[in-house]
C-alpha atoms as a PDB file:
ATOM      1  CA  MET A   1     112.292 -26.367  95.431  1.00  0.00           C
ATOM      2  CA  GLY A   2     110.716 -27.303  91.791  1.00  0.00           C
ATOM      3  CA  LEU A   3     111.640 -26.041  88.948  1.00  0.00           C
ATOM      4  CA  LEU A   4     108.552 -23.830  88.998  1.00  0.00           C
ATOM      5  CA  GLY A   5     109.264 -22.303  92.166  1.00  0.00           C
ATOM      6  CA  ILE A   6     112.655 -21.662  90.820  1.00  0.00           C
ATOM      7  CA  LEU A   7     111.099 -20.119  88.204  1.00  0.00           C
ATOM      8  CA  LEU A   8     108.743 -17.774  89.788  1.00  0.00           C
ATOM      9  CA  SER A   9     111.875 -16.448  92.416  1.00  0.00           C
ATOM     10  CA  ALA A  10     113.755 -15.396  88.955  1.00  0.00           C
ATOM     11  CA  ALA A  11     110.743 -13.294  87.818  1.00  0.00           C
ATOM     12  CA  ILE A  12     110.338 -11.662  91.062  1.00  0.00           C
ATOM     13  CA  VAL A  13     114.373 -10.335  90.961  1.00  0.00           C
ATOM     14  CA  VAL A  14     113.838  -9.285  87.619  1.00  0.00           C
ATOM     15  CA  THR A  15     110.895  -7.227  87.991  1.00  0.00           C
ATOM     16  CA  LEU A  16     112.516  -5.216  90.919  1.00  0.00           C
ATOM     17  CA  VAL A  17     115.742  -4.948  89.334  1.00  0.00           C
ATOM     18  CA  ALA A  18     113.501  -3.125  87.102  1.00  0.00           C
ATOM     19  CA  LEU A  19     111.479  -1.388  89.112  1.00  0.00           C
ATOM     20  CA  LEU A  20     114.158   0.374  91.223  1.00  0.00           C
ATOM     21  CA  ARG A  21     116.851   0.936  87.970  1.00  0.00           C
ATOM     22  CA  PRO A  22     116.163   4.724  86.771  1.00  0.00           C
ATOM     23  CA  ASP A  23     115.442   4.788  82.800  1.00  0.00           C
ATOM     24  CA  SER A  24     117.472   7.828  80.695  1.00  0.00           C
ATOM     25  CA  ASN A  25     114.496   8.167  78.627  1.00  0.00           C
ATOM     26  CA  ASP A  26     112.117   8.504  81.756  1.00  0.00           C
ATOM     27  CA  PRO A  27     110.730  12.160  82.055  1.00  0.00           C
ATOM     28  CA  PRO A  28     111.952  14.604  84.339  1.00  0.00           C
ATOM     29  CA  ASP A  29     110.714  14.169  88.212  1.00  0.00           C
ATOM     30  CA  GLU A  30     107.564  16.237  88.266  1.00  0.00           C
ATOM     31  CA  THR A  31     108.608  17.083  92.213  1.00  0.00           C
ATOM     32  CA  THR A  32     111.526  18.741  91.017  1.00  0.00           C
ATOM     33  CA  THR A  33     110.155  20.172  87.935  1.00  0.00           C
ATOM     34  CA  SER A  34     107.129  21.922  89.561  1.00  0.00           C
ATOM     35  CA  VAL A  35     109.592  23.589  92.279  1.00  0.00           C
ATOM     36  CA  ALA A  36     112.327  25.017  89.613  1.00  0.00           C
ATOM     37  CA  ALA A  37     109.040  26.147  87.355  1.00  0.00           C
ATOM     38  CA  ALA A  38     107.813  27.607  91.214  1.00  0.00           C
ATOM     39  CA  ASP A  39     110.980  29.551  91.620  1.00  0.00           C
ATOM     40  CA  THR A  40     111.082  30.964  87.810  1.00  0.00           C
ATOM     41  CA  THR A  41     107.202  32.543  88.355  1.00  0.00           C
ATOM     42  CA  SER A  42     108.081  34.387  91.239  1.00  0.00           C
ATOM     43  CA  ALA A  43     111.432  35.720  89.865  1.00  0.00           C
ATOM     44  CA  SER A  44     109.339  37.103  87.252  1.00  0.00           C
ATOM     45  CA  GLU A  45     106.582  38.297  89.569  1.00  0.00           C
ATOM     46  CA  THR A  46     109.173  39.815  91.420  1.00  0.00           C
ATOM     47  CA  THR A  47     110.578  41.326  88.298  1.00  0.00           C
ATOM     48  CA  SER A  48     107.385  42.975  87.229  1.00  0.00           C
ATOM     49  CA  THR A  49     106.287  44.428  90.754  1.00  0.00           C
ATOM     50  CA  SER A  50     109.454  46.090  91.263  1.00  0.00           C
ATOM     51  CA  ALA A  51     108.967  47.699  87.591  1.00  0.00           C
ATOM     52  CA  VAL A  52     105.445  49.396  88.220  1.00  0.00           C
ATOM     53  CA  ALA A  53     106.878  50.181  92.033  1.00  0.00           C
ATOM     54  CA  THR A  54     109.489  51.955  90.405  1.00  0.00           C
ATOM     55  CA  SER A  55     107.163  53.681  87.238  1.00  0.00           C
ATOM     56  CA  GLN A  56     104.767  54.370  90.543  1.00  0.00           C
ATOM     57  CA  THR A  57     107.331  56.454  92.434  1.00  0.00           C
ATOM     58  CA  THR A  58     109.231  58.219  89.357  1.00  0.00           C
ATOM     59  CA  ALA A  59     105.703  59.713  88.179  1.00  0.00           C
ATOM     60  CA  THR A  60     105.474  60.275  92.044  1.00  0.00           C
ATOM     61  CA  THR A  61     108.991  62.527  92.266  1.00  0.00           C
ATOM     62  CA  THR A  62     108.261  64.259  89.126  1.00  0.00           C
ATOM     63  CA  PRO A  63     108.686  68.334  90.326  1.00  0.00           C
ATOM     64  CA  THR A  64     105.757  70.464  89.122  1.00  0.00           C
ATOM     65  CA  THR A  65     106.576  73.066  86.707  1.00  0.00           C
ATOM     66  CA  THR A  66     106.374  76.681  88.146  1.00  0.00           C
ATOM     67  CA  THR A  67     105.184  79.550  86.378  1.00  0.00           C
ATOM     68  CA  LEU A  68     108.337  82.131  86.012  1.00  0.00           C
ATOM     69  CA  GLY A  69     107.083  85.668  87.272  1.00  0.00           C
ATOM     70  CA  ASP A  70     106.791  88.921  84.566  1.00  0.00           C
ATOM     71  CA  PRO A  71     110.503  88.893  83.147  1.00  0.00           C
ATOM     72  CA  LEU A  72     109.864  93.004  82.872  1.00  0.00           C
ATOM     73  CA  ALA A  73     109.618  93.129  86.593  1.00  0.00           C
ATOM     74  CA  ALA A  74     114.122  93.049  86.163  1.00  0.00           C
ATOM     75  CA  LEU A  75     113.948  95.802  84.244  1.00  0.00           C
ATOM     76  CA  ILE A  76     113.006  98.462  86.896  1.00  0.00           C
ATOM     77  CA  LEU A  77     113.811 102.178  85.286  1.00  0.00           C
ATOM     78  CA  ASN A  78     116.583 103.398  87.685  1.00  0.00           C
ATOM     79  CA  PRO A  79     118.215 106.845  87.925  1.00  0.00           C
ATOM     80  CA  THR A  80     121.306 104.786  87.457  1.00  0.00           C
ATOM     81  CA  GLY A  81     120.348 102.254  84.162  1.00  0.00           C
ATOM     82  CA  ILE A  82     117.688  99.595  83.881  1.00  0.00           C
ATOM     83  CA  GLY A  83     117.002  96.837  86.476  1.00  0.00           C
ATOM     84  CA  ASP A  84     121.298  95.411  86.734  1.00  0.00           C
ATOM     85  CA  ILE A  85     122.104  97.023  83.763  1.00  0.00           C
ATOM     86  CA  THR A  86     124.077 100.375  85.078  1.00  0.00           C
ATOM     87  CA  PHE A  87     125.042 103.095  83.229  1.00  0.00           C
ATOM     88  CA  GLY A  88     128.468 102.900  81.546  1.00  0.00           C
ATOM     89  CA  SER A  89     128.127  98.789  81.014  1.00  0.00           C
ATOM     90  CA  ASP A  90     129.720  98.044  77.331  1.00  0.00           C
ATOM     91  CA  ALA A  91     127.318  99.154  74.666  1.00  0.00           C
ATOM     92  CA  ASP A  92     127.020  95.417  73.096  1.00  0.00           C
ATOM     93  CA  GLU A  93     126.352  93.550  76.199  1.00  0.00           C
ATOM     94  CA  THR A  94     123.712  96.113  77.175  1.00  0.00           C
ATOM     95  CA  VAL A  95     121.718  95.571  74.271  1.00  0.00           C
ATOM     96  CA  ALA A  96     122.376  91.913  74.453  1.00  0.00           C
ATOM     97  CA  GLN A  97     120.894  91.653  78.270  1.00  0.00           C
ATOM     98  CA  LEU A  98     118.075  94.187  76.868  1.00  0.00           C
ATOM     99  CA  SER A  99     117.165  91.793  74.052  1.00  0.00           C
ATOM    100  CA  LEU A 100     117.123  88.658  76.296  1.00  0.00           C
ATOM    101  CA  VAL A 101     113.974  90.357  77.620  1.00  0.00           C
ATOM    102  CA  LEU A 102     112.600  92.134  74.986  1.00  0.00           C
ATOM    103  CA  GLY A 103     113.633  90.565  72.051  1.00  0.00           C
ATOM    104  CA  SER A 104     115.196  91.644  69.136  1.00  0.00           C
ATOM    105  CA  PRO A 105     115.279  95.597  68.358  1.00  0.00           C
ATOM    106  CA  THR A 106     112.552  97.561  66.780  1.00  0.00           C
ATOM    107  CA  GLU A 107     115.337  99.869  65.150  1.00  0.00           C
ATOM    108  CA  ASP A 108     119.343 100.346  65.736  1.00  0.00           C
ATOM    109  CA  THR A 109     120.670 103.161  64.295  1.00  0.00           C
ATOM    110  CA  GLY A 110     124.744 101.458  64.370  1.00  0.00           C
ATOM    111  CA  TRP A 111     127.310 103.473  65.716  1.00  0.00           C
ATOM    112  CA  THR A 112     127.055 106.949  64.033  1.00  0.00           C
ATOM    113  CA  PRO A 113     128.772 110.513  64.047  1.00  0.00           C
ATOM    114  CA  SER A 114     128.073 111.319  66.970  1.00  0.00           C
ATOM    115  CA  PHE A 115     124.844 114.069  67.336  1.00  0.00           C
ATOM    116  CA  GLU A 116     125.192 117.307  68.147  1.00  0.00           C
ATOM    117  CA  THR A 117     124.109 117.344  71.703  1.00  0.00           C
ATOM    118  CA  CYS A 118     125.368 113.712  72.769  1.00  0.00           C
ATOM    119  CA  PRO A 119     129.169 113.298  74.056  1.00  0.00           C
ATOM    120  CA  GLY A 120     132.269 111.738  71.698  1.00  0.00           C
ATOM    121  CA  THR A 121     132.545 111.436  67.806  1.00  0.00           C
ATOM    122  CA  GLU A 122     130.167 108.294  67.808  1.00  0.00           C
ATOM    123  CA  ALA A 123     126.823 107.360  69.039  1.00  0.00           C
ATOM    124  CA  ARG A 124     124.489 104.792  68.716  1.00  0.00           C
ATOM    125  CA  VAL A 125     120.999 104.547  69.384  1.00  0.00           C
ATOM    126  CA  VAL A 126     118.843 100.892  69.747  1.00  0.00           C
ATOM    127  CA  ARG A 127     114.806 100.935  70.507  1.00  0.00           C
ATOM    128  CA  TRP A 128     112.418  98.484  71.588  1.00  0.00           C
ATOM    129  CA  THR A 129     109.341 100.248  70.732  1.00  0.00           C
ATOM    130  CA  SER A 130     108.909 102.548  73.431  1.00  0.00           C
ATOM    131  CA  LEU A 131     111.915 102.164  75.039  1.00  0.00           C
ATOM    132  CA  GLN A 132     114.969 103.843  73.521  1.00  0.00           C
ATOM    133  CA  ALA A 133     119.067 102.992  74.939  1.00  0.00           C
ATOM    134  CA  PHE A 134     121.422 105.358  74.009  1.00  0.00           C
ATOM    135  CA  PHE A 135     125.586 105.113  73.729  1.00  0.00           C
ATOM    136  CA  SER A 136     128.714 107.268  73.379  1.00  0.00           C
ATOM    137  CA  ASN A 137     132.135 106.963  73.045  1.00  0.00           C
ATOM    138  CA  GLY A 138     132.664 110.058  74.482  1.00  0.00           C
ATOM    139  CA  ALA A 139     133.579 111.055  77.641  1.00  0.00           C
ATOM    140  CA  THR A 140     130.292 110.807  80.468  1.00  0.00           C
ATOM    141  CA  GLU A 141     129.953 110.149  84.218  1.00  0.00           C
ATOM    142  CA  TRP A 142     129.791 107.266  83.609  1.00  0.00           C
ATOM    143  CA  ALA A 143     133.400 106.313  81.517  1.00  0.00           C
ATOM    144  CA  PRO A 144     136.081 107.550  80.236  1.00  0.00           C
ATOM    145  CA  GLU A 145     136.192 108.703  76.419  1.00  0.00           C
ATOM    146  CA  GLY A 146     136.793 105.807  73.814  1.00  0.00           C
ATOM    147  CA  THR A 147     134.373 103.393  75.507  1.00  0.00           C
ATOM    148  CA  ARG A 148     131.417 102.657  74.195  1.00  0.00           C
ATOM    149  CA  HIS A 149     128.558 102.171  76.890  1.00  0.00           C
ATOM    150  CA  PHE A 150     125.320 102.749  78.199  1.00  0.00           C
ATOM    151  CA  PHE A 151     125.026 106.283  79.400  1.00  0.00           C
ATOM    152  CA  HIS A 152     120.846 107.311  78.783  1.00  0.00           C
ATOM    153  CA  TYR A 153     117.470 105.322  78.156  1.00  0.00           C
ATOM    154  CA  SER A 154     114.352 107.098  77.361  1.00  0.00           C
ATOM    155  CA  GLN A 155     110.993 105.452  78.029  1.00  0.00           C
ATOM    156  CA  SER A 156     107.972 107.331  76.055  1.00  0.00           C
ATOM    157  CA  VAL A 157     104.901 106.385  74.365  1.00  0.00           C
ATOM    158  CA  LEU A 158     105.385 108.917  71.720  1.00  0.00           C
ATOM    159  CA  ALA A 159     109.008 106.616  70.654  1.00  0.00           C
ATOM    160  CA  GLY A 160     106.578 103.628  70.374  1.00  0.00           C
ATOM    161  CA  GLY A 161     104.210 104.473  67.763  1.00  0.00           C
ATOM    162  CA  GLY A 162     101.672 103.694  70.222  1.00  0.00           C
ATOM    163  CA  VAL A 163     103.223 100.253  71.719  1.00  0.00           C
ATOM    164  CA  LEU A 164     103.652 100.700  75.226  1.00  0.00           C
ATOM    165  CA  ILE A 165     106.112  98.153  77.008  1.00  0.00           C
ATOM    166  CA  GLU A 166     105.047  98.442  80.657  1.00  0.00           C
ATOM    167  CA  LEU A 167     107.962  99.367  82.384  1.00  0.00           C
ATOM    168  CA  THR A 168     108.222 101.450  85.415  1.00  0.00           C
ATOM    169  CA  THR A 169     110.386 103.130  88.337  1.00  0.00           C
ATOM    170  CA  SER A 170     111.382 100.848  91.894  1.00  0.00           C
ATOM    171  CA  LYS A 171     108.439 103.073  93.001  1.00  0.00           C
ATOM    172  CA  GLY A 172     105.822 101.716  90.340  1.00  0.00           C
ATOM    173  CA  ILE A 173     105.824 105.319  88.206  1.00  0.00           C
ATOM    174  CA  GLY A 174     105.393 104.352  84.754  1.00  0.00           C
ATOM    175  CA  ILE A 175     103.893 106.576  81.040  1.00  0.00           C
ATOM    176  CA  ARG A 176     100.204 107.173  82.062  1.00  0.00           C
ATOM    177  CA  SER A 177     100.762 107.722  85.494  1.00  0.00           C
ATOM    178  CA  THR A 178     100.357 110.993  87.130  1.00  0.00           C
ATOM    179  CA  LEU A 179     102.541 113.652  88.087  1.00  0.00           C
ATOM    180  CA  GLY A 180      99.946 112.938  91.394  1.00  0.00           C
ATOM    181  CA  ASP A 181     101.080 109.601  91.165  1.00  0.00           C
ATOM    182  CA  LEU A 182     104.681 110.917  91.081  1.00  0.00           C
ATOM    183  CA  ALA A 183     104.019 113.215  94.284  1.00  0.00           C
ATOM    184  CA  ALA A 184     102.525 110.867  95.966  1.00  0.00           C
ATOM    185  CA  ALA A 185     105.657 108.155  95.521  1.00  0.00           C
ATOM    186  CA  TYR A 186     108.602 110.368  95.500  1.00  0.00           C
ATOM    187  CA  GLY A 187     107.221 113.057  97.560  1.00  0.00           C
ATOM    188  CA  GLU A 188     109.752 116.470  98.254  1.00  0.00           C
ATOM    189  CA  GLN A 189     112.543 114.865  95.671  1.00  0.00           C
ATOM    190  CA  VAL A 190     110.123 115.642  92.980  1.00  0.00           C
ATOM    191  CA  THR A 191     109.937 119.067  90.986  1.00  0.00           C
ATOM    192  CA  ILE A 192     107.564 120.087  88.243  1.00  0.00           C
ATOM    193  CA  THR A 193     108.451 123.210  86.567  1.00  0.00           C
ATOM    194  CA  ASP A 194     106.713 124.403  83.354  1.00  0.00           C
ATOM    195  CA  ASP A 195     109.819 123.977  80.581  1.00  0.00           C
ATOM    196  CA  PRO A 196     110.050 126.473  77.801  1.00  0.00           C
ATOM    197  CA  ILE A 197     111.390 123.771  75.869  1.00  0.00           C
ATOM    198  CA  PHE A 198     109.935 120.799  77.043  1.00  0.00           C
ATOM    199  CA  GLY A 199     106.722 121.560  78.277  1.00  0.00           C
ATOM    200  CA  PRO A 200     105.630 120.833  82.141  1.00  0.00           C
ATOM    201  CA  PHE A 201     108.542 118.706  83.783  1.00  0.00           C
ATOM    202  CA  TRP A 202     109.248 116.674  86.026  1.00  0.00           C
ATOM    203  CA  GLU A 203     112.733 115.452  87.957  1.00  0.00           C
ATOM    204  CA  VAL A 204     112.991 113.346  91.331  1.00  0.00           C
ATOM    205  CA  ASP A 205     116.169 114.244  93.329  1.00  0.00           C
ATOM    206  CA  VAL A 206     117.802 111.086  93.995  1.00  0.00           C
ATOM    207  CA  ALA A 207     120.584 110.476  96.247  1.00  0.00           C
ATOM    208  CA  GLY A 208     124.157 109.794  94.536  1.00  0.00           C
ATOM    209  CA  ALA A 209     124.795 109.575  90.820  1.00  0.00           C
ATOM    210  CA  GLY A 210     121.968 109.412  88.716  1.00  0.00           C
ATOM    211  CA  VAL A 211     119.349 111.459  86.896  1.00  0.00           C
ATOM    212  CA  LEU A 212     115.561 110.377  87.064  1.00  0.00           C
ATOM    213  CA  TRP A 213     113.510 112.868  84.677  1.00  0.00           C
ATOM    214  CA  GLY A 214     110.645 113.293  82.663  1.00  0.00           C
ATOM    215  CA  THR A 215     107.796 114.981  80.659  1.00  0.00           C
ATOM    216  CA  ALA A 216     104.240 115.181  81.520  1.00  0.00           C
ATOM    217  CA  GLY A 217     101.283 116.069  79.247  1.00  0.00           C
ATOM    218  CA  ALA A 218      99.998 119.339  81.509  1.00  0.00           C
ATOM    219  CA  ILE A 219     101.010 120.868  84.541  1.00  0.00           C
ATOM    220  CA  GLY A 220      98.681 119.670  87.750  1.00  0.00           C
ATOM    221  CA  ASP A 221      98.196 116.346  89.862  1.00  0.00           C
ATOM    222  CA  SER A 222      96.141 114.920  86.668  1.00  0.00           C
ATOM    223  CA  GLY A 223      99.014 115.837  84.166  1.00  0.00           C
ATOM    224  CA  MET A 224      99.632 112.212  82.406  1.00  0.00           C
ATOM    225  CA  ILE A 225     103.724 111.218  82.587  1.00  0.00           C
ATOM    226  CA  ASP A 226     104.571 110.605  79.024  1.00  0.00           C
ATOM    227  CA  SER A 227     108.108 110.107  79.089  1.00  0.00           C
ATOM    228  CA  ILE A 228     110.490 108.509  81.793  1.00  0.00           C
ATOM    229  CA  ASN A 229     114.268 109.397  81.604  1.00  0.00           C
ATOM    230  CA  GLY A 230     117.311 108.065  83.292  1.00  0.00           C
ATOM    231  CA  GLY A 231     121.246 109.531  82.719  1.00  0.00           C
ATOM    232  CA  SER A 232     122.322 112.358  80.471  1.00  0.00           C
ATOM    233  CA  GLY A 233     119.936 113.811  78.060  1.00  0.00           C
ATOM    234  CA  CYS A 234     120.972 113.266  74.344  1.00  0.00           C
ATOM    235  CA  GLY A 235     119.082 114.515  71.179  1.00  0.00           C
ATOM    236  CA  GLU A 236     119.636 115.132  67.338  1.00  0.00           C
END
């Protein structure tokens, strides 16, 4: 082989070595870079899709708001109290429970020397427009002497100055119901008289403890009820 052949062979070898040896300055392999980018994009899209799905699920499972019934329905005028608040209940607790439904009292006498016709030495009357709750520290059929307790209520449009809280008995009798309505609701349990002091007076005879009574504007089926009372009476 001549000198020219040797030089050509050497040049070929150098060229092959240069082609086969990686260069640190060369850019990263395009195939590897492309795969990594594809994986990153896929993870990002998955996270985004998952977030959207979670948001949609949360919106779908949010409970629907419901409307509560009439809160006054819990304050039924009973022979033994108002709703679940029975005669004999603590005075302060009774006022607090009624205030939860009716709001702050219209009037509160605080504890004062007892009225002439009320039991005990102290009496208190708390009013929410047409509804009055009476309390005493005297002995009643509901609690012993020295216990400040709830023993009587009166629902009357006269007490409210014309502002009426729509309260009824368990049979739907309320202020402005008629004596005819009362008789139809309670049947033979009802007694109606023309009292010399109270005028047209009605009373429902109930089994067990408790009294339900009131007054009306006139005797007869069309006479309109103007007061409903439960428990022992009390006045000045």
